N, C-alpha and C. Protein backbone atom coordinates (compact mmCIF):
# COMPACT_ATOMS: atom_id res chain seq x y z
N MET A 1 28.63 21.33 -3.93
CA MET A 1 27.87 20.06 -5.00
C MET A 1 26.26 20.90 -4.19
N SER A 2 25.61 20.81 -5.52
CA SER A 2 23.95 21.35 -5.61
C SER A 2 23.27 20.22 -6.23
N LEU A 3 21.86 20.18 -5.62
CA LEU A 3 21.15 18.95 -5.57
C LEU A 3 21.37 18.28 -7.38
N LEU A 4 21.26 19.50 -8.19
CA LEU A 4 21.29 18.28 -9.47
C LEU A 4 22.54 18.32 -10.21
N ASP A 5 23.52 18.98 -9.86
CA ASP A 5 24.96 18.05 -9.95
C ASP A 5 24.92 16.64 -9.16
N PHE A 6 24.49 16.55 -8.04
CA PHE A 6 24.86 15.39 -7.48
C PHE A 6 24.01 14.09 -8.10
N LEU A 7 22.39 15.06 -8.53
CA LEU A 7 21.24 14.24 -9.50
C LEU A 7 22.00 13.56 -10.90
N HIS A 8 23.25 14.62 -11.31
CA HIS A 8 23.53 14.32 -12.70
C HIS A 8 24.65 13.15 -12.57
N GLU A 9 25.72 13.40 -11.26
CA GLU A 9 26.33 12.47 -11.20
C GLU A 9 25.99 11.05 -10.85
N TYR A 10 25.25 10.90 -10.20
CA TYR A 10 24.85 9.95 -9.39
C TYR A 10 23.58 9.21 -10.40
N ASP A 11 23.25 9.85 -11.16
CA ASP A 11 21.67 9.31 -12.04
C ASP A 11 21.40 8.06 -12.41
N GLN A 12 22.75 7.06 -12.84
CA GLN A 12 22.20 5.83 -12.70
C GLN A 12 22.15 5.25 -11.24
N SER A 13 22.79 5.21 -10.25
CA SER A 13 22.37 5.03 -9.44
C SER A 13 21.06 5.02 -9.01
N LEU A 14 20.84 6.08 -8.69
CA LEU A 14 19.63 6.63 -8.05
C LEU A 14 18.37 6.00 -9.41
N LEU A 15 18.75 5.74 -10.48
CA LEU A 15 17.58 5.14 -11.33
C LEU A 15 17.25 3.44 -10.96
N ILE A 16 18.70 3.30 -10.53
CA ILE A 16 18.50 1.32 -10.62
C ILE A 16 17.73 1.59 -8.54
N ALA A 17 17.81 2.26 -7.84
CA ALA A 17 17.91 2.44 -6.26
C ALA A 17 16.22 2.85 -6.59
N LEU A 18 15.99 3.64 -8.05
CA LEU A 18 14.57 3.74 -8.31
C LEU A 18 13.51 2.22 -8.37
N GLY A 19 14.22 1.31 -9.18
CA GLY A 19 13.74 0.42 -9.79
C GLY A 19 13.71 -0.73 -8.39
N GLU A 20 14.44 -0.74 -8.11
CA GLU A 20 14.23 -1.99 -6.51
C GLU A 20 13.48 -1.29 -5.83
N HIS A 21 12.98 0.02 -5.17
CA HIS A 21 12.30 1.33 -4.58
C HIS A 21 10.76 0.46 -5.27
N LEU A 22 10.40 0.50 -6.32
CA LEU A 22 9.32 0.33 -7.07
C LEU A 22 9.20 -1.15 -7.33
N ARG A 23 10.15 -2.11 -6.93
CA ARG A 23 9.96 -3.70 -7.28
C ARG A 23 9.53 -3.77 -5.60
N LEU A 24 10.14 -3.66 -5.15
CA LEU A 24 10.01 -3.80 -3.35
C LEU A 24 8.56 -3.50 -3.12
N VAL A 25 8.05 -2.03 -3.19
CA VAL A 25 6.49 -1.70 -3.19
C VAL A 25 5.63 -2.43 -3.91
N GLY A 26 5.98 -2.49 -5.53
CA GLY A 26 4.95 -3.08 -6.16
C GLY A 26 4.74 -4.87 -6.15
N ILE A 27 5.53 -5.55 -5.41
CA ILE A 27 5.12 -6.76 -5.02
C ILE A 27 4.50 -6.75 -4.02
N ALA A 28 4.85 -6.00 -3.36
CA ALA A 28 4.29 -6.08 -1.65
C ALA A 28 2.73 -5.85 -1.54
N LEU A 29 2.28 -4.47 -2.51
CA LEU A 29 1.33 -4.23 -2.72
C LEU A 29 0.43 -5.01 -3.47
N LEU A 30 0.49 -5.85 -4.54
CA LEU A 30 0.08 -6.76 -5.11
C LEU A 30 -0.56 -7.76 -3.78
N ILE A 31 0.70 -8.41 -3.43
CA ILE A 31 0.32 -9.71 -2.56
C ILE A 31 -0.74 -8.72 -1.49
N ALA A 32 -0.23 -7.41 -0.62
CA ALA A 32 -1.44 -7.36 0.18
C ALA A 32 -2.61 -6.86 -0.44
N VAL A 33 -3.09 -6.43 -1.54
CA VAL A 33 -4.19 -6.11 -2.56
C VAL A 33 -4.83 -7.74 -2.24
N ALA A 34 -4.47 -8.59 -2.88
CA ALA A 34 -4.81 -10.08 -3.14
C ALA A 34 -5.14 -10.67 -1.69
N ALA A 35 -4.92 -10.02 -1.05
CA ALA A 35 -4.65 -10.83 0.56
C ALA A 35 -6.25 -9.86 1.30
N GLY A 36 -5.83 -8.66 1.25
CA GLY A 36 -6.40 -7.96 2.06
C GLY A 36 -8.20 -7.54 1.77
N VAL A 37 -8.33 -7.39 0.01
CA VAL A 37 -9.31 -7.16 -0.72
C VAL A 37 -10.69 -8.23 -0.08
N PRO A 38 -10.27 -10.34 -0.01
CA PRO A 38 -10.87 -11.00 0.26
C PRO A 38 -11.10 -10.59 1.52
N THR A 39 -10.00 -10.65 2.10
CA THR A 39 -10.51 -10.30 3.88
C THR A 39 -11.47 -9.40 4.52
N GLY A 40 -11.48 -8.35 3.68
CA GLY A 40 -12.13 -7.01 3.85
C GLY A 40 -13.44 -7.54 3.75
N ALA A 41 -13.68 -8.54 2.58
CA ALA A 41 -15.39 -8.86 1.85
C ALA A 41 -15.47 -10.07 2.67
N TRP A 42 -14.61 -10.56 3.16
CA TRP A 42 -15.22 -11.92 4.62
C TRP A 42 -15.58 -11.11 5.49
N ILE A 43 -15.06 -10.12 6.07
CA ILE A 43 -15.51 -9.51 7.36
C ILE A 43 -16.66 -8.79 7.20
N ALA A 44 -17.19 -7.96 6.09
CA ALA A 44 -17.97 -7.49 5.57
C ALA A 44 -19.12 -8.15 5.97
N ARG A 45 -19.25 -9.42 5.17
CA ARG A 45 -20.54 -10.42 4.93
C ARG A 45 -20.70 -10.93 6.24
N GLY A 46 -19.98 -10.66 7.57
CA GLY A 46 -20.10 -11.48 9.08
C GLY A 46 -19.58 -10.29 9.94
N GLU A 47 -20.26 -9.23 10.55
CA GLU A 47 -19.69 -8.29 11.30
C GLU A 47 -18.55 -9.06 12.64
N HIS A 48 -19.39 -10.25 13.00
CA HIS A 48 -18.35 -10.23 14.45
C HIS A 48 -17.12 -11.01 14.06
N ARG A 49 -16.82 -10.95 12.58
CA ARG A 49 -15.24 -11.18 12.51
C ARG A 49 -14.51 -10.10 12.55
N ALA A 50 -14.94 -8.79 12.21
CA ALA A 50 -14.66 -7.77 11.95
C ALA A 50 -13.64 -7.31 12.97
N GLY A 51 -14.14 -7.35 14.59
CA GLY A 51 -13.45 -6.77 15.33
C GLY A 51 -11.87 -7.89 15.94
N PRO A 52 -11.92 -9.02 15.66
CA PRO A 52 -10.65 -9.54 15.53
C PRO A 52 -9.10 -9.50 14.58
N VAL A 53 -10.58 -9.42 13.07
CA VAL A 53 -9.41 -8.99 12.23
C VAL A 53 -8.75 -7.37 11.93
N LEU A 54 -9.48 -6.62 12.41
CA LEU A 54 -9.42 -5.32 12.47
C LEU A 54 -8.40 -4.94 13.67
N LEU A 55 -8.59 -5.89 14.78
CA LEU A 55 -7.70 -5.91 15.88
C LEU A 55 -5.95 -5.90 15.46
N ALA A 56 -5.96 -7.28 14.77
CA ALA A 56 -4.56 -7.71 14.63
C ALA A 56 -4.22 -7.04 13.75
N ALA A 57 -4.76 -6.40 12.37
CA ALA A 57 -3.95 -5.57 12.00
C ALA A 57 -3.56 -4.00 12.53
N ASN A 58 -4.34 -3.67 13.41
CA ASN A 58 -4.50 -2.37 13.95
C ASN A 58 -2.72 -2.82 15.16
N ILE A 59 -2.36 -3.62 15.96
CA ILE A 59 -1.82 -4.19 16.41
C ILE A 59 -0.55 -4.14 15.53
N ILE A 60 -0.66 -4.65 14.33
CA ILE A 60 0.96 -4.49 13.38
C ILE A 60 1.39 -3.25 13.04
N GLN A 61 -0.16 -2.29 12.98
CA GLN A 61 0.47 -0.69 12.48
C GLN A 61 1.11 -0.14 13.82
N THR A 62 0.98 -0.95 14.82
CA THR A 62 1.36 0.41 16.13
C THR A 62 3.20 -0.43 16.13
N ILE A 63 3.76 -1.71 15.46
CA ILE A 63 4.77 -1.48 15.57
C ILE A 63 5.49 -0.75 14.57
N PRO A 64 6.70 -0.19 15.60
CA PRO A 64 7.66 0.48 14.75
C PRO A 64 8.45 -0.24 13.29
N SER A 65 8.13 0.39 12.17
CA SER A 65 8.63 -0.48 11.17
C SER A 65 10.43 -1.14 11.49
N ILE A 66 11.09 -0.48 11.96
CA ILE A 66 12.41 -0.51 12.28
C ILE A 66 12.00 -2.30 12.99
N ALA A 67 11.79 -1.70 13.93
CA ALA A 67 11.82 -2.95 15.21
C ALA A 67 11.01 -4.37 14.13
N LEU A 68 9.50 -3.73 13.63
CA LEU A 68 9.36 -5.07 12.43
C LEU A 68 10.08 -5.58 11.41
N PHE A 69 10.77 -4.98 10.79
CA PHE A 69 12.17 -5.68 10.18
C PHE A 69 13.24 -6.59 11.06
N GLY A 70 13.08 -6.01 12.02
CA GLY A 70 14.48 -6.69 13.19
C GLY A 70 13.72 -7.54 13.55
N LEU A 71 12.29 -8.17 13.14
CA LEU A 71 11.74 -9.19 14.08
C LEU A 71 12.17 -10.39 12.71
N MET A 72 11.65 -9.72 12.02
CA MET A 72 11.88 -10.48 10.56
C MET A 72 13.38 -11.17 10.31
N ILE A 73 14.50 -10.79 10.96
CA ILE A 73 15.64 -10.93 10.79
C ILE A 73 16.13 -12.85 11.18
N PRO A 74 15.38 -12.92 12.77
CA PRO A 74 15.85 -14.03 13.01
C PRO A 74 14.59 -15.46 12.73
N ILE A 75 14.08 -14.64 12.32
CA ILE A 75 12.72 -15.78 11.94
C ILE A 75 13.06 -16.44 10.34
N LEU A 76 13.17 -14.94 9.47
CA LEU A 76 13.91 -15.56 7.94
C LEU A 76 15.18 -16.35 8.31
N ALA A 77 16.06 -16.16 8.86
CA ALA A 77 17.27 -16.49 9.15
C ALA A 77 17.22 -17.98 9.33
N MET A 78 16.40 -18.78 9.65
CA MET A 78 16.31 -20.09 9.67
C MET A 78 16.02 -20.28 8.28
N VAL A 79 15.62 -19.51 7.06
CA VAL A 79 15.82 -20.26 5.52
C VAL A 79 17.11 -19.38 5.05
N ASN A 80 17.36 -19.26 5.39
CA ASN A 80 18.78 -18.27 5.09
C ASN A 80 18.29 -17.06 4.34
N HIS A 81 17.55 -16.00 5.18
CA HIS A 81 16.58 -14.81 4.28
C HIS A 81 16.65 -14.04 5.48
N GLY A 82 17.34 -13.81 6.42
CA GLY A 82 17.34 -12.89 7.39
C GLY A 82 16.80 -11.54 7.42
N ILE A 83 18.42 -11.06 6.03
CA ILE A 83 17.71 -9.97 5.42
C ILE A 83 17.94 -9.67 3.63
N GLY A 84 17.70 -8.32 3.65
CA GLY A 84 17.39 -8.47 1.94
C GLY A 84 15.98 -8.04 1.75
N PHE A 85 15.86 -8.64 0.66
CA PHE A 85 14.38 -8.21 -0.36
C PHE A 85 13.20 -9.06 0.98
N LEU A 86 13.16 -10.23 1.02
CA LEU A 86 12.13 -11.13 1.59
C LEU A 86 11.57 -10.33 2.75
N PRO A 87 12.36 -10.21 3.80
CA PRO A 87 11.91 -9.40 5.11
C PRO A 87 11.01 -8.22 4.89
N ALA A 88 11.76 -7.61 3.92
CA ALA A 88 11.37 -6.22 3.54
C ALA A 88 9.77 -6.19 2.82
N VAL A 89 9.59 -7.00 2.63
CA VAL A 89 8.43 -7.75 1.24
C VAL A 89 7.42 -7.98 2.30
N ILE A 90 7.56 -9.01 3.22
CA ILE A 90 6.65 -9.63 4.23
C ILE A 90 6.24 -8.29 5.08
N ALA A 91 7.51 -7.12 5.68
CA ALA A 91 6.80 -6.39 6.16
C ALA A 91 5.97 -5.48 5.62
N LEU A 92 6.30 -5.04 4.58
CA LEU A 92 5.34 -4.38 3.79
C LEU A 92 3.95 -4.68 3.20
N ILE A 93 3.99 -6.17 3.40
CA ILE A 93 2.62 -6.81 3.31
C ILE A 93 1.76 -6.96 4.47
N LEU A 94 2.06 -6.41 5.50
CA LEU A 94 1.75 -6.87 6.78
C LEU A 94 1.42 -5.33 7.12
N TYR A 95 2.23 -4.20 6.95
CA TYR A 95 1.80 -3.09 7.31
C TYR A 95 0.18 -2.79 6.47
N ALA A 96 0.56 -3.39 4.95
CA ALA A 96 -0.63 -3.02 4.31
C ALA A 96 -2.01 -3.30 4.33
N GLN A 97 -2.14 -3.74 5.61
CA GLN A 97 -3.39 -4.63 4.81
C GLN A 97 -4.26 -4.06 5.99
N LEU A 98 -3.61 -3.14 7.19
CA LEU A 98 -5.01 -2.72 7.12
C LEU A 98 -5.74 -1.75 6.99
N PRO A 99 -5.46 -0.44 5.97
CA PRO A 99 -6.04 0.11 4.93
C PRO A 99 -6.69 0.13 4.09
N VAL A 100 -6.23 -1.66 3.78
CA VAL A 100 -6.91 -2.31 2.46
C VAL A 100 -8.12 -3.10 2.89
N ILE A 101 -7.86 -3.70 4.38
CA ILE A 101 -9.28 -4.33 4.59
C ILE A 101 -10.06 -3.64 5.22
N ARG A 102 -9.93 -2.79 5.49
CA ARG A 102 -10.76 -1.49 6.33
C ARG A 102 -11.62 -0.72 5.39
N ASN A 103 -10.88 -0.38 4.42
CA ASN A 103 -11.57 0.42 3.38
C ASN A 103 -12.64 -0.33 2.55
N THR A 104 -11.84 -1.97 1.99
CA THR A 104 -12.79 -3.10 1.55
C THR A 104 -14.26 -3.08 2.19
N ARG A 105 -13.41 -3.06 3.65
CA ARG A 105 -15.45 -3.73 4.25
C ARG A 105 -16.13 -2.29 4.47
N VAL A 106 -15.43 -0.91 4.67
CA VAL A 106 -16.66 -0.01 4.64
C VAL A 106 -17.08 0.14 3.49
N ALA A 107 -16.48 0.20 2.33
CA ALA A 107 -16.84 0.32 0.58
C ALA A 107 -18.10 -0.34 0.51
N LEU A 108 -17.89 -1.64 1.04
CA LEU A 108 -19.08 -3.33 0.59
C LEU A 108 -19.93 -2.65 1.62
N ARG A 109 -19.96 -2.22 3.02
CA ARG A 109 -20.91 -2.02 4.00
C ARG A 109 -21.84 -1.03 3.39
N ALA A 110 -21.00 0.16 2.58
CA ALA A 110 -22.12 1.19 2.36
C ALA A 110 -22.87 1.41 1.07
N ILE A 111 -22.70 0.10 0.32
CA ILE A 111 -23.82 -0.44 -0.78
C ILE A 111 -25.17 -0.50 0.01
N PRO A 112 -26.16 0.29 -0.55
CA PRO A 112 -27.44 0.36 0.16
C PRO A 112 -28.30 -1.10 -0.40
N PRO A 113 -28.97 -1.89 0.72
CA PRO A 113 -29.11 -2.81 1.04
C PRO A 113 -30.26 -3.22 -0.45
N ALA A 114 -31.34 -2.49 -0.81
CA ALA A 114 -32.10 -2.39 -1.93
C ALA A 114 -31.59 -2.46 -2.81
N THR A 115 -29.94 -2.05 -3.09
CA THR A 115 -29.42 -2.30 -4.44
C THR A 115 -29.60 -3.62 -4.52
N LEU A 116 -28.68 -4.42 -3.32
CA LEU A 116 -28.52 -5.76 -3.43
C LEU A 116 -29.38 -6.69 -3.72
N ASP A 117 -30.56 -6.16 -3.02
CA ASP A 117 -32.37 -7.22 -3.03
C ASP A 117 -32.50 -7.20 -4.61
N ALA A 118 -32.58 -6.21 -4.96
CA ALA A 118 -32.98 -5.95 -6.58
C ALA A 118 -32.08 -7.14 -7.60
N ALA A 119 -30.74 -6.82 -6.99
CA ALA A 119 -29.92 -8.25 -7.64
C ALA A 119 -30.28 -9.74 -7.54
N ARG A 120 -30.79 -9.54 -6.47
CA ARG A 120 -31.31 -11.19 -6.24
C ARG A 120 -32.71 -11.03 -6.84
N GLY A 121 -33.40 -10.12 -6.70
CA GLY A 121 -34.93 -10.13 -7.43
C GLY A 121 -34.52 -10.51 -9.21
N LEU A 122 -33.43 -10.06 -9.63
CA LEU A 122 -33.04 -10.40 -10.89
C LEU A 122 -32.83 -11.97 -11.58
N GLY A 123 -32.62 -12.75 -10.20
CA GLY A 123 -32.48 -13.68 -10.24
C GLY A 123 -31.19 -14.21 -10.20
N MET A 124 -30.05 -13.02 -9.85
CA MET A 124 -28.62 -13.43 -9.54
C MET A 124 -27.77 -14.40 -8.22
N THR A 125 -27.16 -14.78 -8.33
CA THR A 125 -26.72 -15.47 -7.36
C THR A 125 -25.62 -14.79 -6.64
N GLU A 126 -25.33 -15.01 -5.50
CA GLU A 126 -24.49 -14.20 -4.50
C GLU A 126 -23.20 -14.14 -5.04
N ARG A 127 -22.71 -14.84 -5.75
CA ARG A 127 -21.38 -14.72 -6.22
C ARG A 127 -21.46 -13.69 -7.45
N GLN A 128 -22.20 -13.73 -8.36
CA GLN A 128 -22.89 -12.93 -9.12
C GLN A 128 -22.96 -11.37 -8.74
N ILE A 129 -23.96 -11.19 -7.88
CA ILE A 129 -23.87 -10.21 -6.79
C ILE A 129 -22.99 -9.18 -6.46
N PHE A 130 -21.70 -10.17 -6.32
CA PHE A 130 -20.68 -9.84 -5.63
C PHE A 130 -19.94 -9.17 -6.88
N LEU A 131 -19.65 -10.25 -7.70
CA LEU A 131 -18.61 -9.50 -8.85
C LEU A 131 -19.22 -8.59 -9.63
N ARG A 132 -20.56 -8.59 -10.00
CA ARG A 132 -21.16 -7.78 -11.14
C ARG A 132 -21.78 -6.44 -10.09
N VAL A 133 -22.10 -6.83 -9.26
CA VAL A 133 -22.79 -5.10 -8.77
C VAL A 133 -21.88 -4.60 -7.39
N ALA A 134 -21.29 -5.46 -6.37
CA ALA A 134 -21.10 -5.26 -5.05
C ALA A 134 -19.46 -4.60 -5.25
N LEU A 135 -18.81 -5.36 -6.20
CA LEU A 135 -17.65 -4.97 -6.48
C LEU A 135 -17.30 -3.30 -7.20
N PRO A 136 -18.28 -3.52 -8.00
CA PRO A 136 -17.57 -2.35 -9.10
C PRO A 136 -18.01 -1.59 -8.21
N LEU A 137 -19.48 -1.22 -7.00
CA LEU A 137 -20.12 0.00 -6.61
C LEU A 137 -19.21 0.24 -5.42
N ALA A 138 -18.08 -0.81 -4.82
CA ALA A 138 -17.66 -0.71 -3.94
C ALA A 138 -15.79 -0.10 -4.41
N ALA A 139 -15.55 -0.58 -5.56
CA ALA A 139 -14.18 -0.04 -6.43
C ALA A 139 -13.80 1.11 -5.94
N PRO A 140 -14.14 2.63 -5.87
CA PRO A 140 -13.15 3.37 -5.61
C PRO A 140 -13.26 3.34 -3.75
N GLY A 141 -13.87 3.10 -2.70
CA GLY A 141 -13.79 3.13 -1.68
C GLY A 141 -12.47 1.97 -1.62
N ILE A 142 -12.30 1.17 -2.64
CA ILE A 142 -11.22 0.41 -2.20
C ILE A 142 -9.88 0.66 -2.56
N VAL A 143 -10.11 1.68 -3.64
CA VAL A 143 -9.07 1.93 -4.88
C VAL A 143 -7.94 2.97 -3.47
N ALA A 144 -9.17 3.76 -2.89
CA ALA A 144 -8.86 4.83 -1.49
C ALA A 144 -8.01 3.99 -0.44
N GLY A 145 -8.58 3.01 -0.75
CA GLY A 145 -7.39 2.29 0.92
C GLY A 145 -6.26 1.77 -0.10
N ILE A 146 -6.29 1.05 -1.27
CA ILE A 146 -4.80 0.93 -1.63
C ILE A 146 -3.89 2.54 -1.75
N ARG A 147 -4.44 3.41 -1.94
CA ARG A 147 -3.54 5.01 -2.20
C ARG A 147 -2.80 4.41 -0.95
N ILE A 148 -3.96 4.54 -0.06
CA ILE A 148 -3.28 4.84 1.62
C ILE A 148 -1.94 3.71 2.04
N ALA A 149 -2.40 2.67 1.39
CA ALA A 149 -1.72 1.28 1.34
C ALA A 149 -0.15 1.49 1.20
N ALA A 150 -0.16 2.31 -0.67
CA ALA A 150 0.65 2.53 -1.30
C ALA A 150 2.01 3.72 -0.97
N THR A 151 0.95 4.52 -0.41
CA THR A 151 2.00 5.93 -0.45
C THR A 151 2.92 5.46 1.21
N MET A 152 1.74 4.87 2.06
CA MET A 152 2.49 4.10 2.84
C MET A 152 3.84 3.70 3.14
N SER A 153 3.87 2.68 2.33
CA SER A 153 4.20 1.60 2.10
C SER A 153 6.12 1.72 1.12
N ILE A 154 5.48 3.26 0.66
CA ILE A 154 6.92 3.84 -0.06
C ILE A 154 7.23 4.33 0.75
N GLY A 155 7.12 4.90 1.45
CA GLY A 155 7.82 5.82 2.99
C GLY A 155 8.26 4.64 3.90
N VAL A 156 7.60 3.67 3.98
CA VAL A 156 8.13 2.74 4.69
C VAL A 156 9.70 1.63 4.22
N ALA A 157 9.27 1.58 2.98
CA ALA A 157 10.21 0.87 2.22
C ALA A 157 11.64 1.62 2.60
N ALA A 158 11.83 3.11 2.48
CA ALA A 158 13.06 3.45 2.87
C ALA A 158 13.96 2.73 4.23
N VAL A 159 13.36 2.65 4.99
CA VAL A 159 13.58 2.16 6.14
C VAL A 159 14.32 0.72 6.05
N ALA A 160 13.65 -0.26 4.73
CA ALA A 160 14.33 -1.33 4.27
C ALA A 160 15.92 -1.48 4.57
N ALA A 161 16.04 -0.06 3.80
CA ALA A 161 17.68 0.03 3.34
C ALA A 161 18.53 -0.53 4.40
N TYR A 162 18.10 -0.46 5.53
CA TYR A 162 18.57 -0.59 6.84
C TYR A 162 19.22 -2.34 6.89
N ILE A 163 18.09 -2.99 6.38
CA ILE A 163 18.55 -4.54 6.21
C ILE A 163 18.95 -5.01 4.64
N GLY A 164 18.89 -4.26 4.13
CA GLY A 164 19.87 -4.34 2.90
C GLY A 164 18.93 -5.10 1.72
N ALA A 165 17.92 -3.97 1.64
CA ALA A 165 16.50 -4.19 1.12
C ALA A 165 16.71 -3.05 -0.21
N GLY A 166 17.57 -2.43 -0.67
CA GLY A 166 18.23 -1.33 -1.49
C GLY A 166 16.99 -0.37 -1.34
N GLY A 167 16.73 0.26 -2.84
CA GLY A 167 15.96 0.82 -2.98
C GLY A 167 16.12 2.74 -2.54
N LEU A 168 15.44 3.63 -2.69
CA LEU A 168 15.85 4.79 -2.76
C LEU A 168 16.60 4.93 -1.19
N GLY A 169 15.91 4.16 0.15
CA GLY A 169 16.20 4.25 1.03
C GLY A 169 18.21 4.47 1.38
N ILE A 170 18.38 3.68 0.30
CA ILE A 170 19.95 3.54 0.58
C ILE A 170 20.67 4.88 0.30
N PHE A 171 20.14 5.77 0.20
CA PHE A 171 20.93 7.16 0.06
C PHE A 171 20.89 8.35 1.56
N ILE A 172 19.60 7.99 1.57
CA ILE A 172 18.95 8.32 3.30
C ILE A 172 20.15 7.91 4.28
N VAL A 173 20.17 6.00 4.10
CA VAL A 173 20.68 5.72 4.87
C VAL A 173 23.04 6.11 4.92
N ARG A 174 22.87 6.12 3.72
CA ARG A 174 24.74 6.40 4.07
C ARG A 174 24.61 7.63 3.93
N GLY A 175 24.11 8.84 3.47
CA GLY A 175 24.29 10.17 3.85
C GLY A 175 24.33 10.26 5.37
N ILE A 176 23.82 9.58 5.65
CA ILE A 176 23.25 10.32 7.88
C ILE A 176 24.87 9.45 7.60
N GLN A 177 25.05 7.67 7.65
CA GLN A 177 26.12 7.48 7.92
C GLN A 177 27.48 8.11 7.66
N THR A 178 27.68 9.05 6.76
CA THR A 178 28.78 9.89 5.71
C THR A 178 28.41 11.34 6.65
N THR A 179 27.04 11.63 6.77
CA THR A 179 26.99 13.17 6.92
C THR A 179 26.92 14.00 5.94
N TRP A 180 26.30 13.20 4.88
CA TRP A 180 27.04 13.89 3.46
C TRP A 180 25.31 14.18 3.43
N ASP A 181 24.81 15.74 3.60
CA ASP A 181 22.99 16.06 3.27
C ASP A 181 23.32 16.14 2.09
N MET A 182 24.03 16.39 1.51
CA MET A 182 23.06 16.53 -0.30
C MET A 182 22.74 14.60 -1.12
N MET A 183 23.36 13.55 -0.17
CA MET A 183 22.97 12.29 -0.51
C MET A 183 21.64 11.98 -0.01
N THR A 184 21.15 12.55 1.43
CA THR A 184 20.58 12.12 2.22
C THR A 184 19.21 13.25 1.52
N ILE A 185 19.44 14.38 1.14
CA ILE A 185 18.36 14.89 0.14
C ILE A 185 17.83 14.44 -0.39
N ALA A 186 18.83 13.86 -1.31
CA ALA A 186 18.22 13.22 -2.62
C ALA A 186 17.37 12.38 -2.36
N GLY A 187 17.89 11.36 -1.59
CA GLY A 187 16.73 10.18 -1.38
C GLY A 187 15.27 10.66 -0.76
N ALA A 188 15.39 11.81 -0.16
CA ALA A 188 14.35 11.98 0.88
C ALA A 188 13.31 12.62 -0.29
N VAL A 189 13.99 13.16 -1.27
CA VAL A 189 13.13 14.03 -2.30
C VAL A 189 13.00 13.27 -3.52
N GLY A 190 13.53 12.11 -4.01
CA GLY A 190 13.03 10.73 -4.42
C GLY A 190 11.86 10.15 -3.97
N ILE A 191 11.92 10.11 -2.86
CA ILE A 191 11.05 9.13 -2.26
C ILE A 191 9.50 10.04 -2.10
N ALA A 192 10.00 11.47 -1.85
CA ALA A 192 8.91 12.12 -1.91
C ALA A 192 8.13 12.32 -3.29
N LEU A 193 8.73 12.46 -4.57
CA LEU A 193 8.46 12.65 -5.83
C LEU A 193 7.55 10.86 -6.32
N LEU A 194 7.79 10.11 -5.90
CA LEU A 194 7.27 8.97 -6.29
C LEU A 194 6.68 8.69 -4.97
N THR A 195 6.06 9.17 -3.92
CA THR A 195 5.06 8.79 -3.66
C THR A 195 3.72 9.69 -4.05
N LEU A 196 4.49 10.88 -4.39
CA LEU A 196 3.32 12.31 -5.28
C LEU A 196 2.86 11.55 -6.28
N VAL A 197 3.54 10.97 -7.24
CA VAL A 197 3.06 10.31 -8.42
C VAL A 197 2.57 9.08 -8.28
N VAL A 198 2.37 8.26 -6.98
CA VAL A 198 2.11 7.17 -7.40
C VAL A 198 0.26 7.66 -6.51
N GLU A 199 0.66 8.98 -6.11
CA GLU A 199 -0.78 9.24 -5.11
C GLU A 199 -1.80 9.83 -6.26
N ILE A 200 -0.94 10.66 -6.98
CA ILE A 200 -1.97 11.36 -8.08
C ILE A 200 -2.30 10.41 -9.31
N ALA A 201 -1.29 9.33 -9.25
CA ALA A 201 -1.64 8.12 -10.21
C ALA A 201 -3.26 7.25 -10.16
N LEU A 202 -2.95 6.77 -8.82
CA LEU A 202 -3.79 6.15 -8.16
C LEU A 202 -5.33 7.52 -7.88
N GLY A 203 -5.20 8.24 -7.31
CA GLY A 203 -6.08 9.01 -7.12
C GLY A 203 -7.10 9.18 -8.77
N ILE A 204 -6.48 9.24 -10.01
CA ILE A 204 -7.27 9.23 -10.95
C ILE A 204 -7.87 8.29 -11.28
N VAL A 205 -7.42 6.68 -11.10
CA VAL A 205 -7.93 5.66 -10.77
C VAL A 205 -8.96 5.81 -10.31
N GLN A 206 -8.90 6.30 -8.98
CA GLN A 206 -10.08 6.07 -8.13
C GLN A 206 -11.17 6.96 -8.75
N ARG A 207 -10.80 7.75 -9.52
CA ARG A 207 -12.03 9.04 -9.70
C ARG A 207 -12.40 8.14 -11.14
N MET A 208 -11.65 7.62 -12.04
CA MET A 208 -11.74 6.94 -13.31
C MET A 208 -12.82 5.95 -12.29
N LEU A 209 -13.28 5.35 -11.43
CA LEU A 209 -13.82 4.07 -11.25
C LEU A 209 -14.97 4.82 -9.99
N THR A 210 -15.38 6.10 -9.85
CA THR A 210 -16.27 6.54 -9.13
C THR A 210 -17.41 6.76 -10.00
N PRO A 211 -18.83 6.31 -9.99
CA PRO A 211 -20.00 7.22 -10.79
C PRO A 211 -19.69 8.49 -11.50
N LYS A 212 -20.39 8.53 -12.45
CA LYS A 212 -20.42 10.08 -13.19
C LYS A 212 -21.38 10.92 -11.40
N GLY A 213 -22.39 10.11 -11.74
CA GLY A 213 -23.23 11.24 -10.33
C GLY A 213 -22.72 11.23 -9.41
N LEU A 214 -21.95 10.88 -8.65
CA LEU A 214 -21.26 10.62 -7.31
C LEU A 214 -19.86 12.05 -7.60
N ARG A 215 -19.19 12.05 -8.70
CA ARG A 215 -18.57 12.83 -8.87
C ARG A 215 -18.78 13.87 -9.23
N VAL A 216 -20.10 14.36 -9.50
CA VAL A 216 -20.31 15.56 -10.08
C VAL A 216 -21.00 15.86 -8.87
N ARG A 217 -21.65 14.95 -7.75
CA ARG A 217 -21.73 15.99 -6.52
C ARG A 217 -21.06 16.05 -5.73
N GLY A 218 -19.81 15.48 -5.75
CA GLY A 218 -18.59 15.16 -4.82
C GLY A 218 -18.10 16.85 -5.19
N GLY A 219 -18.19 17.23 -6.88
CA GLY A 219 -17.28 18.65 -6.88
C GLY A 219 -18.31 19.96 -6.68
N GLY A 220 -19.48 19.34 -6.52
CA GLY A 220 -19.99 20.47 -6.24
C GLY A 220 -19.88 20.82 -4.77
N ARG A 221 -19.33 20.21 -4.01
CA ARG A 221 -19.52 20.74 -2.33
C ARG A 221 -18.82 22.41 -2.16
């Protein structure tokens, strides 16, 4: 059986798995961004906070994904959610924190102080400066962190199939268990294509948020 034959025969199963994968990554990424961007902004305003926060996020990144999923099982088993969707989402949220927090901090710290001083000179409050000046200027850098988190999460979510979270990783797991190479390849190709599409889409968003002057300067290098 060729890959095309496999895709034709299992098209419905692949679409279901794709939907599960997108749901898993999408929910985790939304929560990670909602938590990571404010955290990055918080440590950007006080550098003494950056060390402990980034250290904690880095430590989480060093834990192998399968081990982190395994750690979630006994903890969440106490609330009858030891396997499946919930532990997978929590693990993905934790993994996504480092790129989101770090890029948010770097992007906000890169804003010229003179720009912020000019906004204060116009009588803007600190909240207005953050929402109307700092955040729009930092947006391309923040989206760059989200791109990293998204592409990483798509790959890590494949491992979540081992704890019953579904997604495209289930084809890889079953392919390995049954030594059916075509099933494993189909799952791997699906994850690779999904990663590529998301990377391109977020790249377009990042470019749209980048000021035109910086786009021209970057294109001329």
